PDB file of N, CA and C in Angstrom:
ATOM      1  N   MET A   1     100.068  -2.715 -24.769  1.00  0.00           N
ATOM      2  CA  MET A   1      99.682  -4.121 -24.852  1.00  0.00           C
ATOM      3  C   MET A   1      98.369  -4.295 -24.152  1.00  0.00           C
ATOM      4  N   THR A   2      97.435  -4.971 -24.788  1.00  0.00           N
ATOM      5  CA  THR A   2      96.114  -5.157 -24.230  1.00  0.00           C
ATOM      6  C   THR A   2      96.107  -6.329 -23.203  1.00  0.00           C
ATOM      7  N   THR A   3      94.982  -6.404 -22.456  1.00  0.00           N
ATOM      8  CA  THR A   3      94.812  -7.484 -21.516  1.00  0.00           C
ATOM      9  C   THR A   3      94.882  -8.803 -22.247  1.00  0.00           C
ATOM     10  N   ALA A   4      94.223  -8.859 -23.396  1.00  0.00           N
ATOM     11  CA  ALA A   4      94.198 -10.113 -24.226  1.00  0.00           C
ATOM     12  C   ALA A   4      95.602 -10.501 -24.628  1.00  0.00           C
ATOM     13  N   ASP A   5      96.431  -9.486 -25.056  1.00  0.00           N
ATOM     14  CA  ASP A   5      97.804  -9.785 -25.464  1.00  0.00           C
ATOM     15  C   ASP A   5      98.621 -10.356 -24.324  1.00  0.00           C
ATOM     16  N   ILE A   6      98.466  -9.782 -23.122  1.00  0.00           N
ATOM     17  CA  ILE A   6      99.229 -10.250 -21.963  1.00  0.00           C
ATOM     18  C   ILE A   6      98.790 -11.663 -21.638  1.00  0.00           C
ATOM     19  N   GLN A   7      97.481 -11.926 -21.649  1.00  0.00           N
ATOM     20  CA  GLN A   7      97.008 -13.259 -21.337  1.00  0.00           C
ATOM     21  C   GLN A   7      97.488 -14.272 -22.367  1.00  0.00           C
ATOM     22  N   HIS A   8      97.496 -13.835 -23.625  1.00  0.00           N
ATOM     23  CA  HIS A   8      98.013 -14.736 -24.715  1.00  0.00           C
ATOM     24  C   HIS A   8      99.406 -15.175 -24.438  1.00  0.00           C
ATOM     25  N   GLU A   9     100.249 -14.202 -23.997  1.00  0.00           N
ATOM     26  CA  GLU A   9     101.671 -14.556 -23.713  1.00  0.00           C
ATOM     27  C   GLU A   9     101.730 -15.383 -22.421  1.00  0.00           C
ATOM     28  N   GLU A  10     100.942 -15.113 -21.460  1.00  0.00           N
ATOM     29  CA  GLU A  10     101.001 -15.884 -20.157  1.00  0.00           C
ATOM     30  C   GLU A  10     100.525 -17.300 -20.366  1.00  0.00           C
ATOM     31  N   THR A  11      99.649 -17.539 -21.233  1.00  0.00           N
ATOM     32  CA  THR A  11      99.153 -18.912 -21.481  1.00  0.00           C
ATOM     33  C   THR A  11      99.965 -19.664 -22.481  1.00  0.00           C
ATOM     34  N   GLY A  12     101.101 -19.123 -22.905  1.00  0.00           N
ATOM     35  CA  GLY A  12     101.968 -19.784 -23.830  1.00  0.00           C
ATOM     36  C   GLY A  12     101.359 -19.890 -25.223  1.00  0.00           C
ATOM     37  N   GLY A  13     100.402 -18.984 -25.532  1.00  0.00           N
ATOM     38  CA  GLY A  13      99.792 -19.004 -26.840  1.00  0.00           C
ATOM     39  C   GLY A  13      98.719 -20.024 -27.032  1.00  0.00           C
ATOM     40  N   LYS A  14      98.238 -20.695 -25.991  1.00  0.00           N
ATOM     41  CA  LYS A  14      97.158 -21.619 -26.101  1.00  0.00           C
ATOM     42  C   LYS A  14      95.848 -20.874 -26.372  1.00  0.00           C
ATOM     43  N   THR A  15      95.265 -21.096 -27.549  1.00  0.00           N
ATOM     44  CA  THR A  15      94.036 -20.425 -27.877  1.00  0.00           C
ATOM     45  C   THR A  15      93.001 -21.438 -28.276  1.00  0.00           C
ATOM     46  N   VAL A  16      91.750 -21.008 -28.181  1.00  0.00           N
ATOM     47  CA  VAL A  16      90.622 -21.858 -28.587  1.00  0.00           C
ATOM     48  C   VAL A  16      89.699 -20.956 -29.436  1.00  0.00           C
ATOM     49  N   THR A  17      88.860 -21.540 -30.246  1.00  0.00           N
ATOM     50  CA  THR A  17      87.879 -20.828 -31.020  1.00  0.00           C
ATOM     51  C   THR A  17      86.493 -20.968 -30.372  1.00  0.00           C
ATOM     52  N   VAL A  18      85.935 -19.861 -30.017  1.00  0.00           N
ATOM     53  CA  VAL A  18      84.573 -19.833 -29.439  1.00  0.00           C
ATOM     54  C   VAL A  18      83.674 -19.075 -30.402  1.00  0.00           C
ATOM     55  N   THR A  19      82.401 -19.057 -30.103  1.00  0.00           N
ATOM     56  CA  THR A  19      81.460 -18.289 -30.918  1.00  0.00           C
ATOM     57  C   THR A  19      80.863 -17.173 -30.027  1.00  0.00           C
ATOM     58  N   VAL A  20      80.926 -15.930 -30.485  1.00  0.00           N
ATOM     59  CA  VAL A  20      80.353 -14.803 -29.817  1.00  0.00           C
ATOM     60  C   VAL A  20      79.335 -14.187 -30.793  1.00  0.00           C
ATOM     61  N   ASP A  21      78.074 -14.146 -30.355  1.00  0.00           N
ATOM     62  CA  ASP A  21      77.005 -13.579 -31.251  1.00  0.00           C
ATOM     63  C   ASP A  21      77.006 -14.265 -32.630  1.00  0.00           C
ATOM     64  N   GLY A  22      77.293 -15.576 -32.688  1.00  0.00           N
ATOM     65  CA  GLY A  22      77.254 -16.302 -33.907  1.00  0.00           C
ATOM     66  C   GLY A  22      78.497 -16.236 -34.758  1.00  0.00           C
ATOM     67  N   GLU A  23      79.479 -15.465 -34.284  1.00  0.00           N
ATOM     68  CA  GLU A  23      80.735 -15.324 -35.083  1.00  0.00           C
ATOM     69  C   GLU A  23      81.921 -16.022 -34.386  1.00  0.00           C
ATOM     70  N   PRO A  24      82.765 -16.757 -35.091  1.00  0.00           N
ATOM     71  CA  PRO A  24      83.929 -17.377 -34.510  1.00  0.00           C
ATOM     72  C   PRO A  24      84.917 -16.385 -34.058  1.00  0.00           C
ATOM     73  N   VAL A  25      85.526 -16.557 -32.856  1.00  0.00           N
ATOM     74  CA  VAL A  25      86.497 -15.698 -32.303  1.00  0.00           C
ATOM     75  C   VAL A  25      87.582 -16.587 -31.680  1.00  0.00           C
ATOM     76  N   GLU A  26      88.818 -16.256 -31.961  1.00  0.00           N
ATOM     77  CA  GLU A  26      89.954 -16.975 -31.325  1.00  0.00           C
ATOM     78  C   GLU A  26      90.369 -16.247 -30.105  1.00  0.00           C
ATOM     79  N   VAL A  27      90.381 -16.972 -28.939  1.00  0.00           N
ATOM     80  CA  VAL A  27      90.667 -16.283 -27.641  1.00  0.00           C
ATOM     81  C   VAL A  27      91.655 -17.199 -26.882  1.00  0.00           C
ATOM     82  N   PRO A  28      92.381 -16.565 -25.933  1.00  0.00           N
ATOM     83  CA  PRO A  28      93.220 -17.402 -25.059  1.00  0.00           C
ATOM     84  C   PRO A  28      92.351 -18.318 -24.196  1.00  0.00           C
ATOM     85  N   LYS A  29      92.883 -19.504 -23.877  1.00  0.00           N
ATOM     86  CA  LYS A  29      92.101 -20.431 -23.074  1.00  0.00           C
ATOM     87  C   LYS A  29      91.749 -19.863 -21.713  1.00  0.00           C
ATOM     88  N   HIS A  30      92.716 -19.133 -21.126  1.00  0.00           N
ATOM     89  CA  HIS A  30      92.509 -18.453 -19.836  1.00  0.00           C
ATOM     90  C   HIS A  30      92.447 -16.987 -20.135  1.00  0.00           C
ATOM     91  N   THR A  31      91.285 -16.404 -19.879  1.00  0.00           N
ATOM     92  CA  THR A  31      90.993 -15.013 -20.283  1.00  0.00           C
ATOM     93  C   THR A  31      90.010 -14.385 -19.303  1.00  0.00           C
ATOM     94  N   THR A  32      89.428 -13.274 -19.740  1.00  0.00           N
ATOM     95  CA  THR A  32      88.391 -12.583 -18.981  1.00  0.00           C
ATOM     96  C   THR A  32      87.200 -12.360 -19.940  1.00  0.00           C
ATOM     97  N   PRO A  33      85.972 -12.224 -19.361  1.00  0.00           N
ATOM     98  CA  PRO A  33      84.842 -11.895 -20.238  1.00  0.00           C
ATOM     99  C   PRO A  33      85.041 -10.634 -21.054  1.00  0.00           C
ATOM    100  N   ASN A  34      85.621  -9.638 -20.407  1.00  0.00           N
ATOM    101  CA  ASN A  34      85.879  -8.360 -21.174  1.00  0.00           C
ATOM    102  C   ASN A  34      86.866  -8.537 -22.298  1.00  0.00           C
ATOM    103  N   ALA A  35      87.872  -9.396 -22.154  1.00  0.00           N
ATOM    104  CA  ALA A  35      88.861  -9.676 -23.175  1.00  0.00           C
ATOM    105  C   ALA A  35      88.156 -10.385 -24.318  1.00  0.00           C
ATOM    106  N   VAL A  36      87.241 -11.362 -24.059  1.00  0.00           N
ATOM    107  CA  VAL A  36      86.531 -12.066 -25.103  1.00  0.00           C
ATOM    108  C   VAL A  36      85.650 -11.062 -25.849  1.00  0.00           C
ATOM    109  N   LEU A  37      85.008 -10.152 -25.204  1.00  0.00           N
ATOM    110  CA  LEU A  37      84.237  -9.104 -25.901  1.00  0.00           C
ATOM    111  C   LEU A  37      85.101  -8.303 -26.811  1.00  0.00           C
ATOM    112  N   GLY A  38      86.266  -7.816 -26.257  1.00  0.00           N
ATOM    113  CA  GLY A  38      87.180  -7.054 -27.024  1.00  0.00           C
ATOM    114  C   GLY A  38      87.708  -7.740 -28.253  1.00  0.00           C
ATOM    115  N   LEU A  39      88.056  -9.017 -28.197  1.00  0.00           N
ATOM    116  CA  LEU A  39      88.492  -9.791 -29.307  1.00  0.00           C
ATOM    117  C   LEU A  39      87.447  -9.960 -30.331  1.00  0.00           C
ATOM    118  N   ALA A  40      86.163  -9.914 -29.897  1.00  0.00           N
ATOM    119  CA  ALA A  40      85.070 -10.065 -30.800  1.00  0.00           C
ATOM    120  C   ALA A  40      84.659  -8.719 -31.376  1.00  0.00           C
ATOM    121  N   GLY A  41      85.373  -7.604 -31.058  1.00  0.00           N
ATOM    122  CA  GLY A  41      85.053  -6.305 -31.577  1.00  0.00           C
ATOM    123  C   GLY A  41      83.879  -5.636 -30.887  1.00  0.00           C
ATOM    124  N   ILE A  42      83.567  -6.029 -29.615  1.00  0.00           N
ATOM    125  CA  ILE A  42      82.452  -5.536 -28.955  1.00  0.00           C
ATOM    126  C   ILE A  42      82.928  -4.689 -27.779  1.00  0.00           C
ATOM    127  N   ASP A  43      82.371  -3.518 -27.569  1.00  0.00           N
ATOM    128  CA  ASP A  43      82.751  -2.608 -26.462  1.00  0.00           C
ATOM    129  C   ASP A  43      82.309  -3.170 -25.083  1.00  0.00           C
ATOM    130  N   ALA A  44      83.312  -3.562 -24.308  1.00  0.00           N
ATOM    131  CA  ALA A  44      83.053  -4.109 -22.952  1.00  0.00           C
ATOM    132  C   ALA A  44      82.458  -3.053 -22.044  1.00  0.00           C
ATOM    133  N   GLY A  45      82.614  -1.770 -22.352  1.00  0.00           N
ATOM    134  CA  GLY A  45      82.018  -0.682 -21.548  1.00  0.00           C
ATOM    135  C   GLY A  45      80.518  -0.614 -21.694  1.00  0.00           C
ATOM    136  N   THR A  46      80.007  -1.133 -22.742  1.00  0.00           N
ATOM    137  CA  THR A  46      78.497  -1.049 -22.937  1.00  0.00           C
ATOM    138  C   THR A  46      77.864  -2.426 -23.113  1.00  0.00           C
ATOM    139  N   HIS A  47      78.647  -3.487 -22.939  1.00  0.00           N
ATOM    140  CA  HIS A  47      78.067  -4.816 -23.072  1.00  0.00           C
ATOM    141  C   HIS A  47      78.666  -5.728 -21.938  1.00  0.00           C
ATOM    142  N   TYR A  48      77.996  -6.860 -21.675  1.00  0.00           N
ATOM    143  CA  TYR A  48      78.566  -7.918 -20.889  1.00  0.00           C
ATOM    144  C   TYR A  48      78.428  -9.208 -21.602  1.00  0.00           C
ATOM    145  N   LEU A  49      79.133 -10.254 -21.124  1.00  0.00           N
ATOM    146  CA  LEU A  49      79.189 -11.556 -21.800  1.00  0.00           C
ATOM    147  C   LEU A  49      78.296 -12.535 -21.022  1.00  0.00           C
ATOM    148  N   VAL A  50      77.647 -13.371 -21.831  1.00  0.00           N
ATOM    149  CA  VAL A  50      76.866 -14.532 -21.262  1.00  0.00           C
ATOM    150  C   VAL A  50      77.316 -15.822 -21.930  1.00  0.00           C
ATOM    151  N   ARG A  51      77.662 -16.820 -21.142  1.00  0.00           N
ATOM    152  CA  ARG A  51      78.035 -18.132 -21.631  1.00  0.00           C
ATOM    153  C   ARG A  51      76.744 -18.970 -21.790  1.00  0.00           C
ATOM    154  N   ILE A  52      76.581 -19.596 -22.942  1.00  0.00           N
ATOM    155  CA  ILE A  52      75.407 -20.436 -23.210  1.00  0.00           C
ATOM    156  C   ILE A  52      75.870 -21.918 -23.164  1.00  0.00           C
ATOM    157  N   THR A  53      75.248 -22.691 -22.292  1.00  0.00           N
ATOM    158  CA  THR A  53      75.581 -24.071 -22.163  1.00  0.00           C
ATOM    159  C   THR A  53      74.232 -24.843 -22.223  1.00  0.00           C
ATOM    160  N   GLY A  54      73.974 -25.384 -23.427  1.00  0.00           N
ATOM    161  CA  GLY A  54      72.660 -26.065 -23.575  1.00  0.00           C
ATOM    162  C   GLY A  54      71.562 -25.052 -23.383  1.00  0.00           C
ATOM    163  N   ARG A  55      70.652 -25.299 -22.451  1.00  0.00           N
ATOM    164  CA  ARG A  55      69.530 -24.369 -22.214  1.00  0.00           C
ATOM    165  C   ARG A  55      69.877 -23.410 -21.020  1.00  0.00           C
ATOM    166  N   HIS A  56      71.067 -23.472 -20.515  1.00  0.00           N
ATOM    167  CA  HIS A  56      71.468 -22.633 -19.439  1.00  0.00           C
ATOM    168  C   HIS A  56      72.249 -21.435 -19.881  1.00  0.00           C
ATOM    169  N   GLN A  57      72.145 -20.340 -19.168  1.00  0.00           N
ATOM    170  CA  GLN A  57      72.863 -19.129 -19.440  1.00  0.00           C
ATOM    171  C   GLN A  57      73.629 -18.705 -18.182  1.00  0.00           C
ATOM    172  N   HIS A  58      74.926 -18.396 -18.316  1.00  0.00           N
ATOM    173  CA  HIS A  58      75.747 -17.942 -17.180  1.00  0.00           C
ATOM    174  C   HIS A  58      76.230 -16.557 -17.490  1.00  0.00           C
ATOM    175  N   SER A  59      75.691 -15.554 -16.774  1.00  0.00           N
ATOM    176  CA  SER A  59      75.978 -14.143 -17.038  1.00  0.00           C
ATOM    177  C   SER A  59      77.255 -13.748 -16.310  1.00  0.00           C
ATOM    178  N   PHE A  60      78.058 -12.911 -16.974  1.00  0.00           N
ATOM    179  CA  PHE A  60      79.253 -12.311 -16.378  1.00  0.00           C
ATOM    180  C   PHE A  60      79.014 -10.779 -16.136  1.00  0.00           C
ATOM    181  N   ALA A  61      77.788 -10.395 -16.007  1.00  0.00           N
ATOM    182  CA  ALA A  61      77.427  -8.973 -15.754  1.00  0.00           C
ATOM    183  C   ALA A  61      78.054  -8.546 -14.456  1.00  0.00           C
ATOM    184  N   GLY A  62      78.854  -7.469 -14.472  1.00  0.00           N
ATOM    185  CA  GLY A  62      79.537  -6.927 -13.285  1.00  0.00           C
ATOM    186  C   GLY A  62      80.800  -7.727 -12.956  1.00  0.00           C
ATOM    187  N   ARG A  63      81.158  -8.709 -13.721  1.00  0.00           N
ATOM    188  CA  ARG A  63      82.314  -9.534 -13.431  1.00  0.00           C
ATOM    189  C   ARG A  63      83.248  -9.695 -14.664  1.00  0.00           C
ATOM    190  N   GLY A  64      83.361  -8.541 -15.423  1.00  0.00           N
ATOM    191  CA  GLY A  64      84.076  -8.610 -16.674  1.00  0.00           C
ATOM    192  C   GLY A  64      85.595  -8.858 -16.565  1.00  0.00           C
ATOM    193  N   GLU A  65      86.185  -8.594 -15.360  1.00  0.00           N
ATOM    194  CA  GLU A  65      87.634  -8.843 -15.169  1.00  0.00           C
ATOM    195  C   GLU A  65      87.937 -10.145 -14.457  1.00  0.00           C
ATOM    196  N   GLU A  66      86.887 -10.910 -14.201  1.00  0.00           N
ATOM    197  CA  GLU A  66      87.072 -12.198 -13.519  1.00  0.00           C
ATOM    198  C   GLU A  66      87.715 -13.173 -14.478  1.00  0.00           C
ATOM    199  N   GLU A  67      88.773 -13.884 -14.013  1.00  0.00           N
ATOM    200  CA  GLU A  67      89.404 -14.847 -14.906  1.00  0.00           C
ATOM    201  C   GLU A  67      88.544 -16.061 -15.101  1.00  0.00           C
ATOM    202  N   ILE A  68      88.410 -16.467 -16.396  1.00  0.00           N
ATOM    203  CA  ILE A  68      87.629 -17.628 -16.788  1.00  0.00           C
ATOM    204  C   ILE A  68      88.441 -18.535 -17.689  1.00  0.00           C
ATOM    205  N   THR A  69      88.073 -19.793 -17.704  1.00  0.00           N
ATOM    206  CA  THR A  69      88.661 -20.714 -18.659  1.00  0.00           C
ATOM    207  C   THR A  69      87.606 -20.996 -19.693  1.00  0.00           C
ATOM    208  N   VAL A  70      87.973 -20.851 -20.987  1.00  0.00           N
ATOM    209  CA  VAL A  70      87.037 -21.141 -22.041  1.00  0.00           C
ATOM    210  C   VAL A  70      87.490 -22.407 -22.806  1.00  0.00           C
ATOM    211  N   HIS A  71      86.557 -23.062 -23.449  1.00  0.00           N
ATOM    212  CA  HIS A  71      86.827 -24.314 -24.112  1.00  0.00           C
ATOM    213  C   HIS A  71      86.482 -24.215 -25.604  1.00  0.00           C
ATOM    214  N   GLU A  72      87.111 -25.015 -26.379  1.00  0.00           N
ATOM    215  CA  GLU A  72      86.860 -25.016 -27.810  1.00  0.00           C
ATOM    216  C   GLU A  72      85.397 -25.193 -28.111  1.00  0.00           C
ATOM    217  N   ARG A  73      84.857 -24.385 -29.030  1.00  0.00           N
ATOM    218  CA  ARG A  73      83.467 -24.379 -29.485  1.00  0.00           C
ATOM    219  C   ARG A  73      82.453 -23.945 -28.497  1.00  0.00           C
ATOM    220  N   GLU A  74      82.850 -23.296 -27.404  1.00  0.00           N
ATOM    221  CA  GLU A  74      81.870 -22.753 -26.487  1.00  0.00           C
ATOM    222  C   GLU A  74      81.115 -21.599 -27.157  1.00  0.00           C
ATOM    223  N   THR A  75      79.891 -21.381 -26.665  1.00  0.00           N
ATOM    224  CA  THR A  75      78.983 -20.368 -27.265  1.00  0.00           C
ATOM    225  C   THR A  75      78.746 -19.231 -26.269  1.00  0.00           C
ATOM    226  N   PHE A  76      78.939 -18.017 -26.721  1.00  0.00           N
ATOM    227  CA  PHE A  76      78.688 -16.804 -25.871  1.00  0.00           C
ATOM    228  C   PHE A  76      77.816 -15.857 -26.678  1.00  0.00           C
ATOM    229  N   VAL A  77      77.134 -14.981 -25.948  1.00  0.00           N
ATOM    230  CA  VAL A  77      76.387 -13.891 -26.542  1.00  0.00           C
ATOM    231  C   VAL A  77      76.744 -12.624 -25.706  1.00  0.00           C
ATOM    232  N   SER A  78      76.658 -11.497 -26.382  1.00  0.00           N
ATOM    233  CA  SER A  78      76.892 -10.190 -25.745  1.00  0.00           C
ATOM    234  C   SER A  78      75.512  -9.603 -25.424  1.00  0.00           C
ATOM    235  N   VAL A  79      75.417  -8.879 -24.362  1.00  0.00           N
ATOM    236  CA  VAL A  79      74.217  -8.164 -23.979  1.00  0.00           C
ATOM    237  C   VAL A  79      74.497  -6.762 -23.735  1.00  0.00           C
ATOM    238  N   SER A  80      73.812  -5.892 -24.384  1.00  0.00           N
ATOM    239  CA  SER A  80      73.999  -4.421 -24.200  1.00  0.00           C
ATOM    240  C   SER A  80      73.448  -3.971 -22.847  1.00  0.00           C
ATOM    241  N   THR A  81      74.223  -3.036 -22.248  1.00  0.00           N
ATOM    242  CA  THR A  81      73.754  -2.484 -20.972  1.00  0.00           C
ATOM    243  C   THR A  81      73.100  -1.143 -21.163  1.00  0.00           C
ATOM    244  N   GLY A  82      72.996  -0.680 -22.427  1.00  0.00           N
ATOM    245  CA  GLY A  82      72.397   0.607 -22.701  1.00  0.00           C
ATOM    246  C   GLY A  82      70.879   0.504 -22.693  1.00  0.00           C
ATOM    247  N   PRO A  83      70.190   1.651 -22.931  1.00  0.00           N
ATOM    248  CA  PRO A  83      68.754   1.680 -22.910  1.00  0.00           C
ATOM    249  C   PRO A  83      68.208   0.879 -24.091  1.00  0.00           C
ATOM    250  N   THR A  84      67.041   0.368 -23.909  1.00  0.00           N
ATOM    251  CA  THR A  84      66.392  -0.412 -24.982  1.00  0.00           C
ATOM    252  C   THR A  84      65.572   0.566 -25.786  1.00  0.00           C
ATOM    253  N   PRO A  85      65.808   0.584 -27.096  1.00  0.00           N
ATOM    254  CA  PRO A  85      65.046   1.493 -27.983  1.00  0.00           C
ATOM    255  C   PRO A  85      63.555   1.112 -28.018  1.00  0.00           C
ATOM    256  N   THR A  86      62.703   2.066 -28.099  1.00  0.00           N
ATOM    257  CA  THR A  86      61.279   1.803 -28.221  1.00  0.00           C
ATOM    258  C   THR A  86      60.748   2.356 -29.544  1.00  0.00           C
ATOM    259  N   ALA A  87      59.684   1.780 -30.071  1.00  0.00           N
ATOM    260  CA  ALA A  87      59.150   2.220 -31.352  1.00  0.00           C
ATOM    261  C   ALA A  87      58.368   3.452 -31.241  1.00  0.00           C
TER     262      ALA A  87
END
């Protein structure tokens, strides 16, 4: 059972739909940044999550297992922690 599965059971199945990298993802209301990445099909080992609120960005770099509350229609982006390719 994954972290997301356990959190889904613990929250009584309360889920919300958020956007990660422009794609809708259904996640538990109470979750972790790494679980959100996993549900979006993104490797949490090589990425971290950033919450976008208007013109503000809230990074969860280094805090992937911190419990967060997400809200319906929130926007997130993933950021790769790997090397940046050069031309």
